[in-house]
Structures are given as C-alpha cells and as structure tokens.
C-alpha atoms as a PDB file:
ATOM      1  CA  MET A   1      41.804 -36.782  30.904  1.00  0.00           C
ATOM      2  CA  THR A   2      39.534 -38.374  33.503  1.00  0.00           C
ATOM      3  CA  ARG A   3      35.958 -39.421  32.791  1.00  0.00           C
ATOM      4  CA  PHE A   4      34.711 -36.597  35.038  1.00  0.00           C
ATOM      5  CA  SER A   5      36.831 -34.041  33.216  1.00  0.00           C
ATOM      6  CA  ARG A   6      35.554 -35.201  29.837  1.00  0.00           C
ATOM      7  CA  TYR A   7      31.963 -35.040  31.130  1.00  0.00           C
ATOM      8  CA  ALA A   8      32.484 -31.540  32.559  1.00  0.00           C
ATOM      9  CA  LEU A   9      34.023 -30.385  29.277  1.00  0.00           C
ATOM     10  CA  ILE A  10      31.144 -31.774  27.228  1.00  0.00           C
ATOM     11  CA  MET A  11      28.544 -30.199  29.528  1.00  0.00           C
ATOM     12  CA  GLY A  12      30.377 -26.890  29.394  1.00  0.00           C
ATOM     13  CA  ILE A  13      30.365 -26.909  25.594  1.00  0.00           C
ATOM     14  CA  VAL A  14      26.647 -27.763  25.510  1.00  0.00           C
ATOM     15  CA  THR A  15      25.818 -25.000  28.003  1.00  0.00           C
ATOM     16  CA  LEU A  16      27.896 -22.459  26.125  1.00  0.00           C
ATOM     17  CA  THR A  17      26.247 -23.457  22.840  1.00  0.00           C
ATOM     18  CA  ILE A  18      22.758 -23.027  24.282  1.00  0.00           C
ATOM     19  CA  LEU A  19      23.559 -19.646  25.799  1.00  0.00           C
ATOM     20  CA  SER A  20      25.335 -18.347  22.726  1.00  0.00           C
ATOM     21  CA  THR A  21      22.516 -19.584  20.480  1.00  0.00           C
ATOM     22  CA  GLY A  22      19.974 -17.602  22.481  1.00  0.00           C
ATOM     23  CA  VAL A  23      22.024 -14.426  22.226  1.00  0.00           C
ATOM     24  CA  PHE A  24      22.787 -15.017  18.562  1.00  0.00           C
ATOM     25  CA  ALA A  25      19.104 -15.542  17.745  1.00  0.00           C
ATOM     26  CA  ALA A  26      18.220 -12.248  19.356  1.00  0.00           C
ATOM     27  CA  GLU A  27      21.071 -10.133  18.004  1.00  0.00           C
ATOM     28  CA  ASN A  28      22.158 -11.823  14.807  1.00  0.00           C
ATOM     29  CA  PRO A  29      21.212  -9.608  11.833  1.00  0.00           C
ATOM     30  CA  CYS A  30      20.988 -12.791   9.752  1.00  0.00           C
ATOM     31  CA  ASN A  31      18.137 -14.099  11.899  1.00  0.00           C
ATOM     32  CA  PRO A  32      15.254 -11.642  11.516  1.00  0.00           C
ATOM     33  CA  CYS A  33      12.908 -14.038  13.315  1.00  0.00           C
ATOM     34  CA  GLY A  34      14.999 -14.269  16.465  1.00  0.00           C
ATOM     35  CA  GLY A  35      13.252 -12.768  19.470  1.00  0.00           C
ATOM     36  CA  GLU A  36      10.696 -10.682  17.588  1.00  0.00           C
ATOM     37  CA  ALA A  37       7.802 -10.250  19.996  1.00  0.00           C
ATOM     38  CA  THR A  38       5.038  -8.898  17.755  1.00  0.00           C
ATOM     39  CA  ASN A  39       5.227 -11.346  14.886  1.00  0.00           C
ATOM     40  CA  PRO A  40       8.297 -13.582  14.521  1.00  0.00           C
ATOM     41  CA  CYS A  41       7.626 -14.221  10.851  1.00  0.00           C
ATOM     42  CA  ASN A  42       7.136 -10.571   9.949  1.00  0.00           C
ATOM     43  CA  PRO A  43       9.406  -8.335  12.049  1.00  0.00           C
ATOM     44  CA  CYS A  44       8.553  -5.170  10.128  1.00  0.00           C
ATOM     45  CA  THR A  45       4.804  -5.225  10.655  1.00  0.00           C
ATOM     46  CA  PRO A  46       2.777  -5.908  13.820  1.00  0.00           C
ATOM     47  CA  SER A  47       0.617  -9.010  13.736  1.00  0.00           C
ATOM     48  CA  GLY A  48      -3.101  -8.797  13.088  1.00  0.00           C
ATOM     49  CA  LEU A  49      -2.945  -6.434  10.118  1.00  0.00           C
ATOM     50  CA  LYS A  50      -4.477  -7.249   6.739  1.00  0.00           C
ATOM     51  CA  HIS A  51      -2.874  -6.234   3.461  1.00  0.00           C
ATOM     52  CA  PHE A  52      -4.701  -5.573   0.209  1.00  0.00           C
ATOM     53  CA  GLY A  53      -3.141  -5.030  -3.190  1.00  0.00           C
ATOM     54  CA  VAL A  54      -4.781  -2.820  -5.818  1.00  0.00           C
ATOM     55  CA  ASP A  55      -4.004  -3.970  -9.341  1.00  0.00           C
ATOM     56  CA  ASP A  56      -7.033  -5.392 -11.132  1.00  0.00           C
ATOM     57  CA  PRO A  57      -5.875  -7.150 -14.327  1.00  0.00           C
ATOM     58  CA  ARG A  58      -9.312  -6.638 -15.867  1.00  0.00           C
ATOM     59  CA  GLY A  59      -9.198  -2.880 -15.368  1.00  0.00           C
ATOM     60  CA  ARG A  60     -12.316  -2.553 -13.227  1.00  0.00           C
ATOM     61  CA  ASP A  61     -10.725  -0.079 -10.823  1.00  0.00           C
ATOM     62  CA  VAL A  62     -11.681   3.389 -12.034  1.00  0.00           C
ATOM     63  CA  LEU A  63     -10.585   6.940 -11.276  1.00  0.00           C
ATOM     64  CA  THR A  64     -12.769   9.745 -12.628  1.00  0.00           C
ATOM     65  CA  PHE A  65     -12.126  13.467 -12.722  1.00  0.00           C
ATOM     66  CA  ASP A  66     -14.919  15.956 -13.295  1.00  0.00           C
ATOM     67  CA  SER A  67     -14.424  19.511 -14.542  1.00  0.00           C
ATOM     68  CA  LYS A  68     -17.434  21.835 -14.714  1.00  0.00           C
ATOM     69  CA  ALA A  69     -16.536  25.056 -16.506  1.00  0.00           C
ATOM     70  CA  PRO A  70     -18.977  27.693 -17.830  1.00  0.00           C
ATOM     71  CA  LEU A  71     -18.798  26.471 -21.429  1.00  0.00           C
ATOM     72  CA  GLU A  72     -17.950  22.823 -21.082  1.00  0.00           C
ATOM     73  CA  LYS A  73     -18.146  19.815 -18.785  1.00  0.00           C
ATOM     74  CA  ILE A  74     -15.205  17.428 -19.059  1.00  0.00           C
ATOM     75  CA  VAL A  75     -15.124  13.969 -17.555  1.00  0.00           C
ATOM     76  CA  GLY A  76     -11.937  11.944 -17.692  1.00  0.00           C
ATOM     77  CA  THR A  77     -11.313   8.375 -16.615  1.00  0.00           C
ATOM     78  CA  THR A  78      -8.553   5.817 -16.232  1.00  0.00           C
ATOM     79  CA  ASN A  79      -8.240   2.310 -14.844  1.00  0.00           C
ATOM     80  CA  LYS A  80      -4.453   2.394 -14.540  1.00  0.00           C
ATOM     81  CA  ILE A  81      -4.362   2.383 -10.735  1.00  0.00           C
ATOM     82  CA  THR A  82      -2.099   0.350  -8.482  1.00  0.00           C
ATOM     83  CA  GLY A  83      -1.636   0.464  -4.740  1.00  0.00           C
ATOM     84  CA  HIS A  84      -1.342  -1.140  -1.338  1.00  0.00           C
ATOM     85  CA  ILE A  85      -3.576  -0.909   1.729  1.00  0.00           C
ATOM     86  CA  GLN A  86      -2.628  -1.971   5.251  1.00  0.00           C
ATOM     87  CA  VAL A  87      -5.445  -1.991   7.784  1.00  0.00           C
ATOM     88  CA  ASN A  88      -6.189  -3.299  11.257  1.00  0.00           C
ATOM     89  CA  PRO A  89      -9.542  -5.106  10.826  1.00  0.00           C
ATOM     90  CA  LYS A  90     -10.346  -4.681  14.517  1.00  0.00           C
ATOM     91  CA  ASP A  91      -9.779  -0.920  14.466  1.00  0.00           C
ATOM     92  CA  ILE A  92      -9.326   0.816  11.122  1.00  0.00           C
ATOM     93  CA  THR A  93      -8.284   4.028  12.876  1.00  0.00           C
ATOM     94  CA  LYS A  94      -5.051   2.359  14.012  1.00  0.00           C
ATOM     95  CA  GLY A  95      -2.229   1.153  11.788  1.00  0.00           C
ATOM     96  CA  LEU A  96      -3.755   2.308   8.508  1.00  0.00           C
ATOM     97  CA  LYS A  97      -1.333   2.854   5.648  1.00  0.00           C
ATOM     98  CA  ALA A  98      -2.360   3.198   2.034  1.00  0.00           C
ATOM     99  CA  SER A  99      -0.892   4.472  -1.188  1.00  0.00           C
ATOM    100  CA  PHE A 100      -2.206   4.600  -4.729  1.00  0.00           C
ATOM    101  CA  GLU A 101      -0.356   5.401  -7.938  1.00  0.00           C
ATOM    102  CA  LEU A 102      -2.053   6.690 -11.069  1.00  0.00           C
ATOM    103  CA  ASP A 103      -0.723   6.594 -14.626  1.00  0.00           C
ATOM    104  CA  LEU A 104      -1.567  10.131 -15.790  1.00  0.00           C
ATOM    105  CA  ALA A 105      -0.859   9.447 -19.453  1.00  0.00           C
ATOM    106  CA  SER A 106      -3.722   6.940 -19.465  1.00  0.00           C
ATOM    107  CA  LEU A 107      -6.408   9.549 -18.666  1.00  0.00           C
ATOM    108  CA  LYS A 108      -9.048   9.729 -21.393  1.00  0.00           C
ATOM    109  CA  THR A 109     -11.761  12.348 -21.917  1.00  0.00           C
ATOM    110  CA  GLY A 110     -13.310  11.007 -25.102  1.00  0.00           C
ATOM    111  CA  ILE A 111     -11.566  13.414 -27.488  1.00  0.00           C
ATOM    112  CA  ASP A 112      -8.072  12.449 -28.623  1.00  0.00           C
ATOM    113  CA  THR A 113      -6.847  15.977 -29.382  1.00  0.00           C
ATOM    114  CA  ARG A 114      -8.053  17.206 -25.992  1.00  0.00           C
ATOM    115  CA  ASP A 115      -6.304  14.285 -24.284  1.00  0.00           C
ATOM    116  CA  GLU A 116      -3.056  15.114 -26.055  1.00  0.00           C
ATOM    117  CA  HIS A 117      -3.366  18.766 -25.081  1.00  0.00           C
ATOM    118  CA  MET A 118      -4.061  17.781 -21.465  1.00  0.00           C
ATOM    119  CA  ARG A 119      -1.043  15.474 -21.313  1.00  0.00           C
ATOM    120  CA  ASP A 120       1.398  17.843 -23.031  1.00  0.00           C
ATOM    121  CA  ASN A 121       0.343  21.300 -21.836  1.00  0.00           C
ATOM    122  CA  PHE A 122      -1.230  20.813 -18.423  1.00  0.00           C
ATOM    123  CA  LEU A 123      -0.129  17.590 -16.768  1.00  0.00           C
ATOM    124  CA  GLU A 124       3.210  17.407 -18.606  1.00  0.00           C
ATOM    125  CA  THR A 125       3.184  13.625 -18.337  1.00  0.00           C
ATOM    126  CA  ALA A 126       6.560  13.279 -20.082  1.00  0.00           C
ATOM    127  CA  LYS A 127       8.079  14.952 -17.020  1.00  0.00           C
ATOM    128  CA  TYR A 128       5.531  13.906 -14.373  1.00  0.00           C
ATOM    129  CA  PRO A 129       4.138  10.544 -15.527  1.00  0.00           C
ATOM    130  CA  THR A 130       2.344   9.553 -12.327  1.00  0.00           C
ATOM    131  CA  ALA A 131       0.372  10.949  -9.422  1.00  0.00           C
ATOM    132  CA  MET A 132       0.568   9.424  -5.946  1.00  0.00           C
ATOM    133  CA  LEU A 133      -2.088   9.560  -3.246  1.00  0.00           C
ATOM    134  CA  THR A 134      -0.994   8.499   0.232  1.00  0.00           C
ATOM    135  CA  ILE A 135      -3.510   8.070   3.046  1.00  0.00           C
ATOM    136  CA  ASN A 136      -1.923   9.126   6.326  1.00  0.00           C
ATOM    137  CA  LYS A 137      -4.670   8.490   8.853  1.00  0.00           C
ATOM    138  CA  VAL A 138      -8.384   7.997   9.436  1.00  0.00           C
ATOM    139  CA  THR A 139      -9.885  10.994  11.197  1.00  0.00           C
ATOM    140  CA  LYS A 140     -13.448   9.721  11.512  1.00  0.00           C
ATOM    141  CA  ALA A 141     -15.238   6.386  11.053  1.00  0.00           C
ATOM    142  CA  SER A 142     -18.844   5.301  11.466  1.00  0.00           C
ATOM    143  CA  ASP A 143     -17.462   2.108  13.030  1.00  0.00           C
ATOM    144  CA  LYS A 144     -13.950   0.842  13.684  1.00  0.00           C
ATOM    145  CA  MET A 145     -14.252  -2.859  12.916  1.00  0.00           C
ATOM    146  CA  LEU A 146     -14.314  -4.537   9.514  1.00  0.00           C
ATOM    147  CA  MET A 147     -16.980  -7.210   9.196  1.00  0.00           C
ATOM    148  CA  ASP A 148     -18.036  -9.312   6.239  1.00  0.00           C
ATOM    149  CA  GLY A 149     -20.429  -7.357   4.025  1.00  0.00           C
ATOM    150  CA  LYS A 150     -20.459  -4.281   6.257  1.00  0.00           C
ATOM    151  CA  THR A 151     -19.982  -0.763   4.857  1.00  0.00           C
ATOM    152  CA  LEU A 152     -18.236   1.950   6.869  1.00  0.00           C
ATOM    153  CA  MET A 153     -18.213   5.715   6.276  1.00  0.00           C
ATOM    154  CA  VAL A 154     -14.730   7.118   6.692  1.00  0.00           C
ATOM    155  CA  ASP A 155     -12.995  10.507   6.675  1.00  0.00           C
ATOM    156  CA  ALA A 156      -9.247  10.588   6.177  1.00  0.00           C
ATOM    157  CA  GLU A 157      -6.255  12.823   5.682  1.00  0.00           C
ATOM    158  CA  GLY A 158      -3.819  12.217   2.881  1.00  0.00           C
ATOM    159  CA  THR A 159      -1.107  13.642   0.673  1.00  0.00           C
ATOM    160  CA  LEU A 160      -1.364  14.056  -3.089  1.00  0.00           C
ATOM    161  CA  SER A 161       1.790  14.254  -5.174  1.00  0.00           C
ATOM    162  CA  LEU A 162       0.999  15.723  -8.591  1.00  0.00           C
ATOM    163  CA  HIS A 163       2.988  17.686 -11.165  1.00  0.00           C
ATOM    164  CA  GLY A 164       6.011  17.804  -8.861  1.00  0.00           C
ATOM    165  CA  VAL A 165       4.047  19.255  -5.932  1.00  0.00           C
ATOM    166  CA  LYS A 166       2.833  17.635  -2.707  1.00  0.00           C
ATOM    167  CA  ASN A 167      -0.221  18.931  -0.871  1.00  0.00           C
ATOM    168  CA  SER A 168      -2.428  17.607   1.891  1.00  0.00           C
ATOM    169  CA  VAL A 169      -5.934  16.512   0.941  1.00  0.00           C
ATOM    170  CA  GLN A 170      -9.067  15.821   2.951  1.00  0.00           C
ATOM    171  CA  LEU A 171     -11.177  12.821   2.013  1.00  0.00           C
ATOM    172  CA  LYS A 172     -14.762  12.949   3.254  1.00  0.00           C
ATOM    173  CA  ASP A 173     -17.494  10.319   3.349  1.00  0.00           C
ATOM    174  CA  ILE A 174     -15.462   7.516   1.817  1.00  0.00           C
ATOM    175  CA  THR A 175     -17.325   4.195   1.784  1.00  0.00           C
ATOM    176  CA  VAL A 176     -15.290   1.146   2.729  1.00  0.00           C
ATOM    177  CA  THR A 177     -16.829  -2.316   2.447  1.00  0.00           C
ATOM    178  CA  TYR A 178     -15.081  -5.513   3.478  1.00  0.00           C
ATOM    179  CA  PHE A 179     -15.846  -9.010   2.143  1.00  0.00           C
ATOM    180  CA  ASP A 180     -14.476 -12.363   3.187  1.00  0.00           C
ATOM    181  CA  GLU A 181     -13.585 -14.452   0.162  1.00  0.00           C
ATOM    182  CA  SER A 182     -16.549 -16.377  -1.205  1.00  0.00           C
ATOM    183  CA  GLU A 183     -17.691 -17.841  -4.497  1.00  0.00           C
ATOM    184  CA  ALA A 184     -19.577 -14.603  -5.153  1.00  0.00           C
ATOM    185  CA  THR A 185     -16.606 -12.302  -4.474  1.00  0.00           C
ATOM    186  CA  LYS A 186     -14.276 -14.391  -6.644  1.00  0.00           C
ATOM    187  CA  GLY A 187     -16.193 -12.993  -9.602  1.00  0.00           C
ATOM    188  CA  ARG A 188     -14.468  -9.687  -8.871  1.00  0.00           C
ATOM    189  CA  LEU A 189     -11.128 -10.874  -7.496  1.00  0.00           C
ATOM    190  CA  PRO A 190      -9.790 -13.813  -5.467  1.00  0.00           C
ATOM    191  CA  GLY A 191      -8.977 -13.263  -1.803  1.00  0.00           C
ATOM    192  CA  ASP A 192     -10.630 -11.108   0.837  1.00  0.00           C
ATOM    193  CA  LEU A 193     -11.759  -7.784  -0.628  1.00  0.00           C
ATOM    194  CA  LEU A 194     -11.843  -4.164   0.449  1.00  0.00           C
ATOM    195  CA  ILE A 195     -14.090  -2.053  -1.802  1.00  0.00           C
ATOM    196  CA  ILE A 196     -13.447   1.703  -1.655  1.00  0.00           C
ATOM    197  CA  ASN A 197     -15.601   4.466  -3.131  1.00  0.00           C
ATOM    198  CA  GLY A 198     -15.124   8.200  -2.656  1.00  0.00           C
ATOM    199  CA  GLY A 199     -13.052  11.176  -3.646  1.00  0.00           C
ATOM    200  CA  PHE A 200     -11.763  14.667  -3.039  1.00  0.00           C
ATOM    201  CA  SER A 201     -11.337  18.002  -4.782  1.00  0.00           C
ATOM    202  CA  LEU A 202      -8.113  19.561  -5.987  1.00  0.00           C
ATOM    203  CA  ASN A 203      -7.262  23.052  -7.126  1.00  0.00           C
ATOM    204  CA  LEU A 204      -5.029  22.991 -10.225  1.00  0.00           C
ATOM    205  CA  PRO A 205      -3.008  26.140  -9.366  1.00  0.00           C
ATOM    206  CA  ASP A 206      -2.040  24.508  -6.045  1.00  0.00           C
ATOM    207  CA  TYR A 207      -0.060  22.024  -8.137  1.00  0.00           C
ATOM    208  CA  ASN A 208       1.471  24.612 -10.454  1.00  0.00           C
ATOM    209  CA  ILE A 209      -0.952  23.648 -13.211  1.00  0.00           C
ATOM    210  CA  GLU A 210      -1.979  26.925 -14.806  1.00  0.00           C
ATOM    211  CA  VAL A 211      -5.161  27.274 -16.803  1.00  0.00           C
ATOM    212  CA  PRO A 212      -4.763  29.963 -19.509  1.00  0.00           C
ATOM    213  CA  GLN A 213      -7.512  32.565 -19.683  1.00  0.00           C
ATOM    214  CA  PHE A 214      -8.695  31.417 -23.101  1.00  0.00           C
ATOM    215  CA  ILE A 215      -9.117  27.875 -21.725  1.00  0.00           C
ATOM    216  CA  PHE A 216     -10.690  28.981 -18.438  1.00  0.00           C
ATOM    217  CA  LEU A 217     -14.254  28.828 -19.800  1.00  0.00           C
ATOM    218  CA  LYS A 218     -13.723  25.184 -20.793  1.00  0.00           C
ATOM    219  CA  LEU A 219     -11.607  23.839 -17.936  1.00  0.00           C
ATOM    220  CA  ALA A 220     -12.372  24.510 -14.280  1.00  0.00           C
ATOM    221  CA  GLU A 221      -9.548  25.272 -11.859  1.00  0.00           C
ATOM    222  CA  THR A 222     -11.147  23.047  -9.221  1.00  0.00           C
ATOM    223  CA  ILE A 223     -11.448  19.414 -10.221  1.00  0.00           C
ATOM    224  CA  LYS A 224     -13.476  16.738  -8.464  1.00  0.00           C
ATOM    225  CA  VAL A 225     -11.717  13.361  -8.284  1.00  0.00           C
ATOM    226  CA  SER A 226     -13.481  10.123  -7.413  1.00  0.00           C
ATOM    227  CA  VAL A 227     -12.355   6.510  -7.224  1.00  0.00           C
ATOM    228  CA  ASP A 228     -14.059   3.130  -7.306  1.00  0.00           C
ATOM    229  CA  LEU A 229     -11.571   0.362  -6.598  1.00  0.00           C
ATOM    230  CA  ALA A 230     -11.064  -2.996  -4.940  1.00  0.00           C
ATOM    231  CA  GLY A 231      -8.126  -4.181  -2.881  1.00  0.00           C
ATOM    232  CA  SER A 232      -7.542  -7.912  -2.555  1.00  0.00           C
ATOM    233  CA  THR A 233      -5.415  -9.995  -0.203  1.00  0.00           C
ATOM    234  CA  ALA A 234      -4.578 -12.184  -3.209  1.00  0.00           C
ATOM    235  CA  THR A 235      -3.561  -9.371  -5.553  1.00  0.00           C
ATOM    236  CA  LYS A 236      -0.025  -8.275  -6.385  1.00  0.00           C
ATOM    237  CA  GLY A 237       1.043  -5.741  -3.790  1.00  0.00           C
ATOM    238  CA  ALA A 238      -0.758  -7.408  -0.880  1.00  0.00           C
ATOM    239  CA  VAL A 239       2.539  -8.409   0.744  1.00  0.00           C
ATOM    240  CA  SER A 240       2.598  -9.299   4.430  1.00  0.00           C
ATOM    241  CA  ASN A 241       5.677  -7.143   4.847  1.00  0.00           C
ATOM    242  CA  PRO A 242       5.455  -3.881   2.875  1.00  0.00           C
ATOM    243  CA  CYS A 243       8.795  -2.675   4.258  1.00  0.00           C
ATOM    244  CA  ASN A 244      10.627  -4.924   1.818  1.00  0.00           C
ATOM    245  CA  PRO A 245       9.348  -8.441   1.068  1.00  0.00           C
ATOM    246  CA  CYS A 246      12.853  -9.542   0.103  1.00  0.00           C
ATOM    247  CA  ASN A 247      14.469  -8.177   3.276  1.00  0.00           C
ATOM    248  CA  PRO A 248      12.116  -8.396   6.249  1.00  0.00           C
ATOM    249  CA  CYS A 249      14.408  -6.326   8.429  1.00  0.00           C
ATOM    250  CA  ALA A 250      14.470  -3.430   5.947  1.00  0.00           C
ATOM    251  CA  GLY A 251      18.208  -3.020   5.751  1.00  0.00           C
ATOM    252  CA  VAL A 252      19.135  -4.316   9.220  1.00  0.00           C
ATOM    253  CA  ASN A 253      20.472  -7.464   7.614  1.00  0.00           C
ATOM    254  CA  PRO A 254      23.493  -6.668   5.409  1.00  0.00           C
ATOM    255  CA  CYS A 255      24.424 -10.313   4.778  1.00  0.00           C
ATOM    256  CA  ASN A 256      22.136 -10.910   1.819  1.00  0.00           C
ATOM    257  CA  PRO A 257      18.753  -9.178   1.665  1.00  0.00           C
ATOM    258  CA  CYS A 258      17.233 -11.905  -0.499  1.00  0.00           C
ATOM    259  CA  ASN A 259      18.667 -14.852   1.450  1.00  0.00           C
ATOM    260  CA  PRO A 260      19.616 -13.559   4.908  1.00  0.00           C
ATOM    261  CA  CYS A 261      21.145 -16.833   6.087  1.00  0.00           C
ATOM    262  CA  GLY A 262      23.199 -17.659   3.026  1.00  0.00           C
ATOM    263  CA  GLY A 263      21.206 -20.741   2.115  1.00  0.00           C
ATOM    264  CA  ALA A 264      20.838 -22.147   5.633  1.00  0.00           C
ATOM    265  CA  ASN A 265      17.115 -22.574   5.233  1.00  0.00           C
ATOM    266  CA  PRO A 266      15.856 -21.262   1.901  1.00  0.00           C
ATOM    267  CA  GLY A 267      12.689 -23.347   2.032  1.00  0.00           C
ATOM    268  CA  ASN A 268      10.973 -21.533   4.883  1.00  0.00           C
ATOM    269  CA  PRO A 269      10.380 -17.791   4.378  1.00  0.00           C
ATOM    270  CA  CYS A 270       9.093 -17.420   7.933  1.00  0.00           C
ATOM    271  CA  ASN A 271      12.241 -18.899   9.444  1.00  0.00           C
ATOM    272  CA  PRO A 272      15.074 -18.309   6.966  1.00  0.00           C
ATOM    273  CA  CYS A 273      17.756 -19.061   9.530  1.00  0.00           C
ATOM    274  CA  GLY A 274      16.881 -22.633  10.415  1.00  0.00           C
ATOM    275  CA  THR A 275      14.488 -24.574  12.589  1.00  0.00           C
END
C-alpha cells in the first residue's frame, strides 16, 4: 500500500468516526445528553426551573382541617406531608407542577377514640392510607416573578385524590413566599425556600365519605383544609429531574436505567456517556 493510500485510509476512518459519533450522540439511547437543546444535563426538564422538596424532618409542615357542625367544632392536624414543587422563578404561571401526599392515619383531633372512629369509619385508612393533592396550573397571580423575601398571592386549580375518588379543587388566595438561602433561613431548612400558606374546602359526600345522621350535628359535611409548609431545594424530593432521577430519559434508554452507558463514565451524572 502506498503512502498516499495509507494516508487516505486513515483520513477516511477519522472522518467516518467523527460523523458517526455525531449521529450516535444524537440518536443513541445510551447518551441522554447528546443533542439535547434545552438542558443537556437534564433532558426531561427545561432549564431554568427550580425544584423544591417538601419533607421537613422536624415536622414543622402542618395540614389542618376544620369542621364546624351545630354541636361541635373539630380541628384536626398532621405534619406527615411530603411533596415536590417545580416552578419557573421568572414566571410562576408557566411550568408549574406540584404534588403533595398526606398520611391520613396520622391525623389527630385531640381525642383518641374520635381519631380511631375517623380513621376506621370515615376515612377508611386501612384501605385508603393517603390523600394526594396535585396542582395543575396557576390561574391568577399578583406577580409572576419570584424574588427574595417577596410574597405573592396565587389562585390555582388542582386535583384531590381522597378515599378512592378524584375531584378538581380550586385554591384561592394562596400566599407564596420565596427566600434565597441565608443564615436566617437555615434555621428552618437548608437551601432556597418556598413557603406556602393557604387552603381549600371539600365536601365529604363528593368523596364517598358519608356522614350518618346521628353524627351530622357533630361533623360537618363541608371541611375547610389549610396548609402551612416549606419546600426546600436541599430537601429530599427536590430532584432536578422529577421524571426519574435514575433514568433521565424516562424509559427511552433501555440499556440500564441506573447506568445508561454501562460504566463508561459513572463519575459524571451530567454526562454519563463520556467526555
């Protein structure tokens, strides 16, 4: 083989390698970072979004329900709340996703026998142990941008899953306050914080929760629910990719969802397929 032929062969191999690498990076299901335009290190979520986890280990997140019946007022509380909030800090009306899960068996009203009756006969927590509130969209906001220390008034639409039934709910006048991490905010939780206060009303029969006539004077059919909670960017659940943190392409990569390149570059989660 002549020197020219060897040179041409080498250059052909190099050219083919470069071209095939470009195609492979864009189409290879084992390279989730190849060619992603919005955010190469997070192909499931557009860049610019902030993520807050709700799971305070000290139990300072609180849900309260308030029943005002003719003969009795009942107030129940729990701090067993977990969740995830995704928000665009430049415009909270775009890209918002939030979900909160409540441990119903943890609700307390101050009287043990009443709590047991509520769990067994009304909520049936053995069969329906949790309730889930999902926020679908913001319908109104006093301002769109999150700024350090600023409080916004927000209306939103959501879905409540309770007692095996899903219904839409309207949330009005929810206060949302954002804080950059500081020495003062670390007293609550590390990370940037999103403090949420507000609530909604629910009608028990809408969730197939029947109130017997002899209980009606003590338990109202319409219950007011309110929450006071904090989401943190440093809290469990504040993942940058809520689709599936172990498989950033959410099923597109069948090779190995927890190591999409088979060990090629396990030390860089933002580029698992190499340099």
